[in-house]
């Protein structure tokens, strides 16, 4: 098939739009949608200036999503004196998996001349995910432990580096899955929190003074298109699934979405679009209703609604094994 915009051979067909695009026009399409999302979410404030630049911290894992986001952000803002970008990589301690992805992070950061910081579970918490999975004192999926530790480090270091925004590489599939999970669980309050934490445009959110606001500029791009972009641009992405990945419910939702998208192209876009509107209304409903008071964890100082945060409680369980 020929590209819809020129006579070159198409490298992809988007079932949800019917478009056939060549390499040049496909890459341009991805970049256009990411930049449009950045504008729609108002990530660059009107008063940003070279004298007081915005500090953006990007969670760079070395996987396709974060690598593609880093490349597009650099192409867009690399020479913009209003924006300073720092890449933060977290080593969870997964033998043969994270080491290779960190090599990809280092290579990309060097190519883009991007400031790059590396932190690890072992240095920060005294644990490695391989050991956590083996001990498993709470009887939980590995992702449950890892999610708590990762969020803590992202938030801690984003705050330490003075970040105005914490950016992550969540794509359309990721966000549509999260949307369906919240809907199926009937968790309307979580939808409200999702909107204010990372989903809504910055000029529509009520930001928490306790946490660095997040943004997901890739959330309009399907996962396969992110992977294709990384391949066509020859980016140093480490495209391998974590050996400990085992989120059963998310896996079921993923399979359901893929089947729905195959039979009804555009399903993911429709789900996320509708969910964003519902989440916005939920945010209006639940703002100010929470009775949970934020305080500092007695052990590490992290923000929590309890005396001891979830991370410290998990570390205590692991230490007792």
C-alpha atoms as a PDB file:
ATOM      1  CA  UNK A   1       0.000   0.000   0.000  1.00  0.00           C
ATOM      2  CA  UNK A   2       1.087   3.550  -0.702  1.00  0.00           C
ATOM      3  CA  UNK A   3       1.208   6.307   1.891  1.00  0.00           C
ATOM      4  CA  UNK A   4      -1.927   8.464   1.917  1.00  0.00           C
ATOM      5  CA  UNK A   5       0.209  11.608   1.804  1.00  0.00           C
ATOM      6  CA  UNK A   6       2.820  10.650  -0.807  1.00  0.00           C
ATOM      7  CA  UNK A   7       3.776   7.805  -3.138  1.00  0.00           C
ATOM      8  CA  UNK A   8       6.174   6.069  -0.748  1.00  0.00           C
ATOM      9  CA  UNK A   9       5.409   2.600   0.604  1.00  0.00           C
ATOM     10  CA  UNK A  10       3.351   2.656   3.778  1.00  0.00           C
ATOM     11  CA  UNK A  11       4.985   1.201   6.895  1.00  0.00           C
ATOM     12  CA  UNK A  12       1.808   1.138   8.972  1.00  0.00           C
ATOM     13  CA  UNK A  13      -1.957   1.105   8.777  1.00  0.00           C
ATOM     14  CA  UNK A  14      -3.967   2.642  11.605  1.00  0.00           C
ATOM     15  CA  UNK A  15      -7.229   0.725  11.819  1.00  0.00           C
ATOM     16  CA  UNK A  16      -8.823   3.389  14.032  1.00  0.00           C
ATOM     17  CA  UNK A  17      -8.305   6.136  11.431  1.00  0.00           C
ATOM     18  CA  UNK A  18      -7.890   4.158   8.211  1.00  0.00           C
ATOM     19  CA  UNK A  19      -4.596   5.946   7.510  1.00  0.00           C
ATOM     20  CA  UNK A  20      -1.713   4.358   5.597  1.00  0.00           C
ATOM     21  CA  UNK A  21       1.539   6.187   6.293  1.00  0.00           C
ATOM     22  CA  UNK A  22       5.129   5.932   5.129  1.00  0.00           C
ATOM     23  CA  UNK A  23       8.034   6.174   7.547  1.00  0.00           C
ATOM     24  CA  UNK A  24       8.375   9.948   7.203  1.00  0.00           C
ATOM     25  CA  UNK A  25       4.704  10.752   7.636  1.00  0.00           C
ATOM     26  CA  UNK A  26       4.172   8.160  10.366  1.00  0.00           C
ATOM     27  CA  UNK A  27       6.975   9.607  12.517  1.00  0.00           C
ATOM     28  CA  UNK A  28       5.675  13.112  11.872  1.00  0.00           C
ATOM     29  CA  UNK A  29       2.202  11.981  12.941  1.00  0.00           C
ATOM     30  CA  UNK A  30       3.468  10.575  16.246  1.00  0.00           C
ATOM     31  CA  UNK A  31       5.455  13.729  16.973  1.00  0.00           C
ATOM     32  CA  UNK A  32       2.494  15.955  16.098  1.00  0.00           C
ATOM     33  CA  UNK A  33       0.169  14.078  18.476  1.00  0.00           C
ATOM     34  CA  UNK A  34       2.671  14.215  21.348  1.00  0.00           C
ATOM     35  CA  UNK A  35       3.208  17.953  20.870  1.00  0.00           C
ATOM     36  CA  UNK A  36      -0.532  18.509  20.638  1.00  0.00           C
ATOM     37  CA  UNK A  37      -0.979  16.680  23.943  1.00  0.00           C
ATOM     38  CA  UNK A  38       1.712  18.864  25.515  1.00  0.00           C
ATOM     39  CA  UNK A  39      -0.201  21.956  24.380  1.00  0.00           C
ATOM     40  CA  UNK A  40      -3.615  20.631  25.414  1.00  0.00           C
ATOM     41  CA  UNK A  41      -2.364  19.722  28.867  1.00  0.00           C
ATOM     42  CA  UNK A  42      -0.719  23.156  29.248  1.00  0.00           C
ATOM     43  CA  UNK A  43       2.636  21.699  30.287  1.00  0.00           C
ATOM     44  CA  UNK A  44       4.504  24.872  29.369  1.00  0.00           C
ATOM     45  CA  UNK A  45       3.110  27.749  31.443  1.00  0.00           C
ATOM     46  CA  UNK A  46       2.689  31.128  29.818  1.00  0.00           C
ATOM     47  CA  UNK A  47       5.114  32.737  32.247  1.00  0.00           C
ATOM     48  CA  UNK A  48       7.949  30.247  31.593  1.00  0.00           C
ATOM     49  CA  UNK A  49      11.129  32.139  30.726  1.00  0.00           C
ATOM     50  CA  UNK A  50      14.872  31.585  30.347  1.00  0.00           C
ATOM     51  CA  UNK A  51      15.345  33.522  33.589  1.00  0.00           C
ATOM     52  CA  UNK A  52      13.137  31.063  35.477  1.00  0.00           C
ATOM     53  CA  UNK A  53      13.055  27.852  33.397  1.00  0.00           C
ATOM     54  CA  UNK A  54      10.680  24.987  34.063  1.00  0.00           C
ATOM     55  CA  UNK A  55      12.328  21.929  35.599  1.00  0.00           C
ATOM     56  CA  UNK A  56      11.090  18.680  34.060  1.00  0.00           C
ATOM     57  CA  UNK A  57      12.132  15.274  35.412  1.00  0.00           C
ATOM     58  CA  UNK A  58      11.596  12.387  32.989  1.00  0.00           C
ATOM     59  CA  UNK A  59      11.338   8.832  34.278  1.00  0.00           C
ATOM     60  CA  UNK A  60      13.697   7.069  31.845  1.00  0.00           C
ATOM     61  CA  UNK A  61      13.557   3.274  32.124  1.00  0.00           C
ATOM     62  CA  UNK A  62      15.235   2.425  28.827  1.00  0.00           C
ATOM     63  CA  UNK A  63      12.069   0.806  27.504  1.00  0.00           C
ATOM     64  CA  UNK A  64      10.481   1.909  24.248  1.00  0.00           C
ATOM     65  CA  UNK A  65       7.992   4.340  25.798  1.00  0.00           C
ATOM     66  CA  UNK A  66      10.357   6.436  27.898  1.00  0.00           C
ATOM     67  CA  UNK A  67      13.053   6.383  25.192  1.00  0.00           C
ATOM     68  CA  UNK A  68      10.616   7.632  22.532  1.00  0.00           C
ATOM     69  CA  UNK A  69       9.333  10.309  24.896  1.00  0.00           C
ATOM     70  CA  UNK A  70      12.890  11.439  25.687  1.00  0.00           C
ATOM     71  CA  UNK A  71      13.706  11.718  21.981  1.00  0.00           C
ATOM     72  CA  UNK A  72      10.586  13.739  21.124  1.00  0.00           C
ATOM     73  CA  UNK A  73      11.006  16.001  24.151  1.00  0.00           C
ATOM     74  CA  UNK A  74      14.605  16.673  23.166  1.00  0.00           C
ATOM     75  CA  UNK A  75      13.613  17.387  19.553  1.00  0.00           C
ATOM     76  CA  UNK A  76      10.935  19.773  20.805  1.00  0.00           C
ATOM     77  CA  UNK A  77      12.574  21.480  23.774  1.00  0.00           C
ATOM     78  CA  UNK A  78      16.275  20.621  23.540  1.00  0.00           C
ATOM     79  CA  UNK A  79      17.132  24.186  22.503  1.00  0.00           C
ATOM     80  CA  UNK A  80      14.327  25.907  24.394  1.00  0.00           C
ATOM     81  CA  UNK A  81      15.887  27.909  27.272  1.00  0.00           C
ATOM     82  CA  UNK A  82      12.527  27.895  29.087  1.00  0.00           C
ATOM     83  CA  UNK A  83      12.705  24.141  29.715  1.00  0.00           C
ATOM     84  CA  UNK A  84      15.371  22.093  31.521  1.00  0.00           C
ATOM     85  CA  UNK A  85      15.018  18.306  31.331  1.00  0.00           C
ATOM     86  CA  UNK A  86      16.641  15.761  33.633  1.00  0.00           C
ATOM     87  CA  UNK A  87      16.340  11.998  33.048  1.00  0.00           C
ATOM     88  CA  UNK A  88      15.928   9.825  36.144  1.00  0.00           C
ATOM     89  CA  UNK A  89      16.563   6.072  35.905  1.00  0.00           C
ATOM     90  CA  UNK A  90      15.728   3.585  38.656  1.00  0.00           C
ATOM     91  CA  UNK A  91      17.566   0.257  38.989  1.00  0.00           C
ATOM     92  CA  UNK A  92      15.228  -2.200  40.696  1.00  0.00           C
ATOM     93  CA  UNK A  93      17.772  -4.997  40.974  1.00  0.00           C
ATOM     94  CA  UNK A  94      16.531  -7.458  38.347  1.00  0.00           C
ATOM     95  CA  UNK A  95      19.346  -9.616  37.043  1.00  0.00           C
ATOM     96  CA  UNK A  96      19.823  -9.614  33.270  1.00  0.00           C
ATOM     97  CA  UNK A  97      16.914  -7.231  32.657  1.00  0.00           C
ATOM     98  CA  UNK A  98      17.502  -3.821  34.152  1.00  0.00           C
ATOM     99  CA  UNK A  99      21.249  -3.815  33.432  1.00  0.00           C
ATOM    100  CA  UNK A 100      20.576  -3.933  29.681  1.00  0.00           C
ATOM    101  CA  UNK A 101      17.953  -1.203  29.857  1.00  0.00           C
ATOM    102  CA  UNK A 102      20.276   1.039  31.857  1.00  0.00           C
ATOM    103  CA  UNK A 103      22.830   0.711  29.059  1.00  0.00           C
ATOM    104  CA  UNK A 104      20.117   2.014  26.714  1.00  0.00           C
ATOM    105  CA  UNK A 105      19.443   4.949  29.069  1.00  0.00           C
ATOM    106  CA  UNK A 106      23.121   5.883  29.243  1.00  0.00           C
ATOM    107  CA  UNK A 107      23.512   5.647  25.470  1.00  0.00           C
ATOM    108  CA  UNK A 108      20.466   7.827  24.793  1.00  0.00           C
ATOM    109  CA  UNK A 109      21.384  10.400  27.432  1.00  0.00           C
ATOM    110  CA  UNK A 110      24.849  10.683  25.878  1.00  0.00           C
ATOM    111  CA  UNK A 111      23.405  11.085  22.387  1.00  0.00           C
ATOM    112  CA  UNK A 112      20.992  13.793  23.527  1.00  0.00           C
ATOM    113  CA  UNK A 113      23.445  15.441  25.918  1.00  0.00           C
ATOM    114  CA  UNK A 114      20.788  14.967  28.580  1.00  0.00           C
ATOM    115  CA  UNK A 115      21.537  15.213  32.290  1.00  0.00           C
ATOM    116  CA  UNK A 116      21.047  11.699  33.634  1.00  0.00           C
ATOM    117  CA  UNK A 117      20.745  10.471  37.228  1.00  0.00           C
ATOM    118  CA  UNK A 118      20.660   6.832  38.356  1.00  0.00           C
ATOM    119  CA  UNK A 119      19.309   5.566  41.675  1.00  0.00           C
ATOM    120  CA  UNK A 120      18.677   2.016  42.862  1.00  0.00           C
ATOM    121  CA  UNK A 121      16.506   0.076  45.284  1.00  0.00           C
ATOM    122  CA  UNK A 122      19.652  -1.499  46.708  1.00  0.00           C
ATOM    123  CA  UNK A 123      21.303   1.817  47.557  1.00  0.00           C
ATOM    124  CA  UNK A 124      18.117   3.501  48.768  1.00  0.00           C
ATOM    125  CA  UNK A 125      16.282   0.641  50.483  1.00  0.00           C
ATOM    126  CA  UNK A 126      18.824  -2.175  50.844  1.00  0.00           C
ATOM    127  CA  UNK A 127      16.733  -4.559  48.704  1.00  0.00           C
ATOM    128  CA  UNK A 128      16.788  -5.969  45.176  1.00  0.00           C
ATOM    129  CA  UNK A 129      13.617  -7.009  43.372  1.00  0.00           C
ATOM    130  CA  UNK A 130      15.003 -10.472  42.669  1.00  0.00           C
ATOM    131  CA  UNK A 131      15.270 -11.009  46.435  1.00  0.00           C
ATOM    132  CA  UNK A 132      11.884  -9.393  47.094  1.00  0.00           C
ATOM    133  CA  UNK A 133      10.216 -11.804  44.672  1.00  0.00           C
ATOM    134  CA  UNK A 134      11.898 -14.777  46.326  1.00  0.00           C
ATOM    135  CA  UNK A 135      10.977 -13.738  49.901  1.00  0.00           C
ATOM    136  CA  UNK A 136       7.504 -12.243  49.238  1.00  0.00           C
ATOM    137  CA  UNK A 137       6.451 -11.782  52.892  1.00  0.00           C
ATOM    138  CA  UNK A 138       3.142 -10.127  51.960  1.00  0.00           C
ATOM    139  CA  UNK A 139       2.077 -12.758  49.409  1.00  0.00           C
ATOM    140  CA  UNK A 140       1.706 -10.103  46.721  1.00  0.00           C
ATOM    141  CA  UNK A 141       2.488  -9.880  43.014  1.00  0.00           C
ATOM    142  CA  UNK A 142       6.010  -8.528  42.341  1.00  0.00           C
ATOM    143  CA  UNK A 143       4.529  -5.460  40.639  1.00  0.00           C
ATOM    144  CA  UNK A 144       2.790  -4.496  43.890  1.00  0.00           C
ATOM    145  CA  UNK A 145       6.097  -4.178  45.733  1.00  0.00           C
ATOM    146  CA  UNK A 146       7.896  -2.615  42.804  1.00  0.00           C
ATOM    147  CA  UNK A 147       5.168  -0.046  42.192  1.00  0.00           C
ATOM    148  CA  UNK A 148       5.385   1.240  45.765  1.00  0.00           C
ATOM    149  CA  UNK A 149       9.194   1.479  45.716  1.00  0.00           C
ATOM    150  CA  UNK A 150       9.321   3.045  42.262  1.00  0.00           C
ATOM    151  CA  UNK A 151       6.701   5.689  43.009  1.00  0.00           C
ATOM    152  CA  UNK A 152       8.525   6.613  46.201  1.00  0.00           C
ATOM    153  CA  UNK A 153      11.853   7.124  44.428  1.00  0.00           C
ATOM    154  CA  UNK A 154      10.344   8.999  41.489  1.00  0.00           C
ATOM    155  CA  UNK A 155       8.548  11.355  43.853  1.00  0.00           C
ATOM    156  CA  UNK A 156      11.489  11.744  46.237  1.00  0.00           C
ATOM    157  CA  UNK A 157      14.026  12.570  43.555  1.00  0.00           C
ATOM    158  CA  UNK A 158      11.668  14.694  41.475  1.00  0.00           C
ATOM    159  CA  UNK A 159      11.185  16.825  44.581  1.00  0.00           C
ATOM    160  CA  UNK A 160      14.920  16.812  45.346  1.00  0.00           C
ATOM    161  CA  UNK A 161      15.736  18.031  41.830  1.00  0.00           C
ATOM    162  CA  UNK A 162      13.137  20.793  42.111  1.00  0.00           C
ATOM    163  CA  UNK A 163      10.858  19.375  39.416  1.00  0.00           C
ATOM    164  CA  UNK A 164       7.830  21.350  38.287  1.00  0.00           C
ATOM    165  CA  UNK A 165       6.583  18.276  36.420  1.00  0.00           C
ATOM    166  CA  UNK A 166       7.370  14.545  36.538  1.00  0.00           C
ATOM    167  CA  UNK A 167       6.917  13.005  33.078  1.00  0.00           C
ATOM    168  CA  UNK A 168       6.367   9.305  32.412  1.00  0.00           C
ATOM    169  CA  UNK A 169       6.068   7.311  29.197  1.00  0.00           C
ATOM    170  CA  UNK A 170       2.592   5.832  29.639  1.00  0.00           C
ATOM    171  CA  UNK A 171       1.024   5.160  26.237  1.00  0.00           C
ATOM    172  CA  UNK A 172      -2.595   4.882  25.074  1.00  0.00           C
ATOM    173  CA  UNK A 173      -2.839   1.178  25.925  1.00  0.00           C
ATOM    174  CA  UNK A 174      -1.538   1.780  29.462  1.00  0.00           C
ATOM    175  CA  UNK A 175      -4.013   4.567  30.155  1.00  0.00           C
ATOM    176  CA  UNK A 176      -7.005   2.814  28.583  1.00  0.00           C
ATOM    177  CA  UNK A 177      -6.240  -0.240  30.736  1.00  0.00           C
ATOM    178  CA  UNK A 178      -6.096   1.893  33.887  1.00  0.00           C
ATOM    179  CA  UNK A 179      -9.356   3.578  32.909  1.00  0.00           C
ATOM    180  CA  UNK A 180     -11.176   0.265  32.498  1.00  0.00           C
ATOM    181  CA  UNK A 181      -9.718  -1.103  35.733  1.00  0.00           C
ATOM    182  CA  UNK A 182     -11.043   1.884  37.676  1.00  0.00           C
ATOM    183  CA  UNK A 183     -14.435   1.602  35.977  1.00  0.00           C
ATOM    184  CA  UNK A 184     -14.742  -2.149  36.595  1.00  0.00           C
ATOM    185  CA  UNK A 185     -13.753  -1.653  40.233  1.00  0.00           C
ATOM    186  CA  UNK A 186     -16.316   1.123  40.585  1.00  0.00           C
ATOM    187  CA  UNK A 187     -13.638   3.374  42.065  1.00  0.00           C
ATOM    188  CA  UNK A 188     -14.985   6.817  41.221  1.00  0.00           C
ATOM    189  CA  UNK A 189     -12.869   8.551  43.869  1.00  0.00           C
ATOM    190  CA  UNK A 190      -9.755   7.022  42.322  1.00  0.00           C
ATOM    191  CA  UNK A 191     -10.836   8.439  38.962  1.00  0.00           C
ATOM    192  CA  UNK A 192     -10.931  11.885  40.594  1.00  0.00           C
ATOM    193  CA  UNK A 193      -7.435  11.407  42.015  1.00  0.00           C
ATOM    194  CA  UNK A 194      -6.221  10.161  38.617  1.00  0.00           C
ATOM    195  CA  UNK A 195      -7.483  13.336  36.945  1.00  0.00           C
ATOM    196  CA  UNK A 196      -5.770  15.705  39.370  1.00  0.00           C
ATOM    197  CA  UNK A 197      -2.555  13.675  39.645  1.00  0.00           C
ATOM    198  CA  UNK A 198      -1.689  13.032  36.017  1.00  0.00           C
ATOM    199  CA  UNK A 199      -4.599  13.017  33.574  1.00  0.00           C
ATOM    200  CA  UNK A 200      -6.200  16.434  33.458  1.00  0.00           C
ATOM    201  CA  UNK A 201      -4.823  19.550  31.760  1.00  0.00           C
ATOM    202  CA  UNK A 202      -2.754  21.548  34.226  1.00  0.00           C
ATOM    203  CA  UNK A 203      -5.111  24.512  34.045  1.00  0.00           C
ATOM    204  CA  UNK A 204      -8.024  22.259  35.105  1.00  0.00           C
ATOM    205  CA  UNK A 205      -6.376  20.320  37.923  1.00  0.00           C
ATOM    206  CA  UNK A 206      -6.311  20.998  41.630  1.00  0.00           C
ATOM    207  CA  UNK A 207      -2.694  20.207  42.322  1.00  0.00           C
ATOM    208  CA  UNK A 208      -1.573  18.725  45.609  1.00  0.00           C
ATOM    209  CA  UNK A 209       1.047  20.693  47.528  1.00  0.00           C
ATOM    210  CA  UNK A 210       2.460  17.367  48.738  1.00  0.00           C
ATOM    211  CA  UNK A 211       3.386  15.778  45.389  1.00  0.00           C
ATOM    212  CA  UNK A 212       5.068  16.776  42.135  1.00  0.00           C
ATOM    213  CA  UNK A 213       2.397  16.834  39.382  1.00  0.00           C
ATOM    214  CA  UNK A 214       2.763  14.223  36.640  1.00  0.00           C
ATOM    215  CA  UNK A 215       2.224  14.312  32.909  1.00  0.00           C
ATOM    216  CA  UNK A 216       1.927  11.645  30.215  1.00  0.00           C
ATOM    217  CA  UNK A 217       2.539  13.153  26.768  1.00  0.00           C
ATOM    218  CA  UNK A 218       2.457   9.740  25.017  1.00  0.00           C
ATOM    219  CA  UNK A 219      -1.009   8.830  26.162  1.00  0.00           C
ATOM    220  CA  UNK A 220      -2.589   9.377  22.721  1.00  0.00           C
ATOM    221  CA  UNK A 221      -0.148   6.973  21.020  1.00  0.00           C
ATOM    222  CA  UNK A 222      -0.948   3.229  20.803  1.00  0.00           C
ATOM    223  CA  UNK A 223       1.740   0.933  22.166  1.00  0.00           C
ATOM    224  CA  UNK A 224       2.521  -0.655  18.780  1.00  0.00           C
ATOM    225  CA  UNK A 225       3.042   2.770  17.234  1.00  0.00           C
ATOM    226  CA  UNK A 226       5.478   3.701  20.019  1.00  0.00           C
ATOM    227  CA  UNK A 227       7.417   0.507  19.304  1.00  0.00           C
ATOM    228  CA  UNK A 228       7.408   1.167  15.552  1.00  0.00           C
ATOM    229  CA  UNK A 229       8.621   4.735  16.075  1.00  0.00           C
ATOM    230  CA  UNK A 230      11.500   3.479  18.253  1.00  0.00           C
ATOM    231  CA  UNK A 231      12.422   0.957  15.560  1.00  0.00           C
ATOM    232  CA  UNK A 232      12.254   3.391  12.641  1.00  0.00           C
ATOM    233  CA  UNK A 233      14.300   5.992  14.542  1.00  0.00           C
ATOM    234  CA  UNK A 234      16.794   3.306  15.590  1.00  0.00           C
ATOM    235  CA  UNK A 235      16.540   4.394  19.214  1.00  0.00           C
ATOM    236  CA  UNK A 236      18.457   2.399  21.862  1.00  0.00           C
ATOM    237  CA  UNK A 237      15.334   0.975  23.490  1.00  0.00           C
ATOM    238  CA  UNK A 238      15.423  -2.238  25.512  1.00  0.00           C
ATOM    239  CA  UNK A 239      12.204  -3.928  24.373  1.00  0.00           C
ATOM    240  CA  UNK A 240      11.878  -6.892  26.742  1.00  0.00           C
ATOM    241  CA  UNK A 241       9.183  -7.629  29.302  1.00  0.00           C
ATOM    242  CA  UNK A 242      10.209  -7.673  32.948  1.00  0.00           C
ATOM    243  CA  UNK A 243      10.641 -11.313  34.057  1.00  0.00           C
ATOM    244  CA  UNK A 244       8.667 -10.606  37.223  1.00  0.00           C
ATOM    245  CA  UNK A 245       5.710  -8.912  35.520  1.00  0.00           C
ATOM    246  CA  UNK A 246       2.527 -10.540  36.817  1.00  0.00           C
ATOM    247  CA  UNK A 247      -0.361  -8.107  37.179  1.00  0.00           C
ATOM    248  CA  UNK A 248      -3.184 -10.593  36.685  1.00  0.00           C
ATOM    249  CA  UNK A 249      -6.101  -8.123  36.519  1.00  0.00           C
ATOM    250  CA  UNK A 250      -4.273  -5.720  34.199  1.00  0.00           C
ATOM    251  CA  UNK A 251      -3.317  -8.675  32.001  1.00  0.00           C
ATOM    252  CA  UNK A 252      -6.972  -9.650  31.632  1.00  0.00           C
ATOM    253  CA  UNK A 253      -7.912  -6.065  30.801  1.00  0.00           C
ATOM    254  CA  UNK A 254      -5.093  -5.904  28.256  1.00  0.00           C
ATOM    255  CA  UNK A 255      -6.346  -9.013  26.466  1.00  0.00           C
ATOM    256  CA  UNK A 256      -9.903  -7.681  26.489  1.00  0.00           C
ATOM    257  CA  UNK A 257      -8.842  -4.326  25.045  1.00  0.00           C
ATOM    258  CA  UNK A 258      -6.752  -5.899  22.303  1.00  0.00           C
ATOM    259  CA  UNK A 259      -9.694  -8.045  21.243  1.00  0.00           C
ATOM    260  CA  UNK A 260     -12.088  -5.101  21.315  1.00  0.00           C
ATOM    261  CA  UNK A 261      -9.655  -2.954  19.332  1.00  0.00           C
ATOM    262  CA  UNK A 262      -9.262  -5.692  16.740  1.00  0.00           C
ATOM    263  CA  UNK A 263     -13.022  -5.980  16.270  1.00  0.00           C
ATOM    264  CA  UNK A 264     -13.844  -2.298  16.807  1.00  0.00           C
ATOM    265  CA  UNK A 265     -10.905  -0.057  15.844  1.00  0.00           C
ATOM    266  CA  UNK A 266     -10.787   3.117  17.909  1.00  0.00           C
ATOM    267  CA  UNK A 267     -12.028   1.488  21.118  1.00  0.00           C
ATOM    268  CA  UNK A 268      -8.978   2.566  23.161  1.00  0.00           C
ATOM    269  CA  UNK A 269      -9.296   6.183  22.064  1.00  0.00           C
ATOM    270  CA  UNK A 270     -13.026   6.208  22.834  1.00  0.00           C
ATOM    271  CA  UNK A 271     -12.543   4.654  26.269  1.00  0.00           C
ATOM    272  CA  UNK A 272      -9.884   7.158  27.277  1.00  0.00           C
ATOM    273  CA  UNK A 273     -11.770  10.135  25.883  1.00  0.00           C
ATOM    274  CA  UNK A 274     -14.923   9.241  27.781  1.00  0.00           C
ATOM    275  CA  UNK A 275     -12.989   8.351  30.898  1.00  0.00           C
ATOM    276  CA  UNK A 276     -11.230  11.721  30.944  1.00  0.00           C
ATOM    277  CA  UNK A 277     -14.605  13.484  30.940  1.00  0.00           C
ATOM    278  CA  UNK A 278     -15.956  11.251  33.703  1.00  0.00           C
ATOM    279  CA  UNK A 279     -12.755  11.701  35.727  1.00  0.00           C
ATOM    280  CA  UNK A 280     -13.077  15.470  35.390  1.00  0.00           C
ATOM    281  CA  UNK A 281     -16.617  15.376  36.758  1.00  0.00           C
ATOM    282  CA  UNK A 282     -15.509  13.024  39.535  1.00  0.00           C
ATOM    283  CA  UNK A 283     -12.728  15.432  40.450  1.00  0.00           C
ATOM    284  CA  UNK A 284     -15.237  18.258  40.772  1.00  0.00           C
ATOM    285  CA  UNK A 285     -17.374  16.024  43.000  1.00  0.00           C
ATOM    286  CA  UNK A 286     -14.681  14.711  45.340  1.00  0.00           C
ATOM    287  CA  UNK A 287     -12.352  17.701  45.730  1.00  0.00           C
ATOM    288  CA  UNK A 288     -12.202  18.724  49.350  1.00  0.00           C
ATOM    289  CA  UNK A 289     -14.118  15.647  50.552  1.00  0.00           C
ATOM    290  CA  UNK A 290     -11.089  13.644  51.688  1.00  0.00           C
ATOM    291  CA  UNK A 291     -10.727  13.455  55.445  1.00  0.00           C
ATOM    292  CA  UNK A 292      -7.296  11.814  55.295  1.00  0.00           C
ATOM    293  CA  UNK A 293      -4.683  14.242  56.566  1.00  0.00           C
ATOM    294  CA  UNK A 294      -1.268  14.137  54.940  1.00  0.00           C
ATOM    295  CA  UNK A 295       1.653  13.845  57.321  1.00  0.00           C
ATOM    296  CA  UNK A 296       5.303  12.835  57.256  1.00  0.00           C
ATOM    297  CA  UNK A 297       6.207   9.182  57.701  1.00  0.00           C
ATOM    298  CA  UNK A 298       7.769   8.686  61.141  1.00  0.00           C
ATOM    299  CA  UNK A 299      10.626   6.700  59.595  1.00  0.00           C
ATOM    300  CA  UNK A 300      11.532   8.244  56.257  1.00  0.00           C
ATOM    301  CA  UNK A 301       9.691  11.554  56.080  1.00  0.00           C
ATOM    302  CA  UNK A 302       7.685  10.669  52.961  1.00  0.00           C
ATOM    303  CA  UNK A 303       4.160  12.053  52.643  1.00  0.00           C
ATOM    304  CA  UNK A 304       1.545   9.596  53.870  1.00  0.00           C
ATOM    305  CA  UNK A 305      -1.889   9.445  55.483  1.00  0.00           C
ATOM    306  CA  UNK A 306      -0.592   7.055  58.149  1.00  0.00           C
ATOM    307  CA  UNK A 307       2.092   7.221  60.812  1.00  0.00           C
ATOM    308  CA  UNK A 308       4.285   4.890  58.723  1.00  0.00           C
ATOM    309  CA  UNK A 309       4.160   4.921  54.916  1.00  0.00           C
ATOM    310  CA  UNK A 310       3.456   1.885  52.751  1.00  0.00           C
ATOM    311  CA  UNK A 311       7.064   1.690  51.563  1.00  0.00           C
ATOM    312  CA  UNK A 312       8.471   1.521  55.091  1.00  0.00           C
ATOM    313  CA  UNK A 313       5.898  -1.084  56.115  1.00  0.00           C
ATOM    314  CA  UNK A 314       6.885  -3.276  53.170  1.00  0.00           C
ATOM    315  CA  UNK A 315      10.577  -2.858  53.953  1.00  0.00           C
ATOM    316  CA  UNK A 316       9.864  -3.873  57.542  1.00  0.00           C
ATOM    317  CA  UNK A 317       8.121  -7.040  56.330  1.00  0.00           C
ATOM    318  CA  UNK A 318      11.047  -7.867  54.069  1.00  0.00           C
ATOM    319  CA  UNK A 319      13.549  -7.324  56.873  1.00  0.00           C
ATOM    320  CA  UNK A 320      11.638  -9.739  59.085  1.00  0.00           C
ATOM    321  CA  UNK A 321      11.928 -12.632  56.620  1.00  0.00           C
END
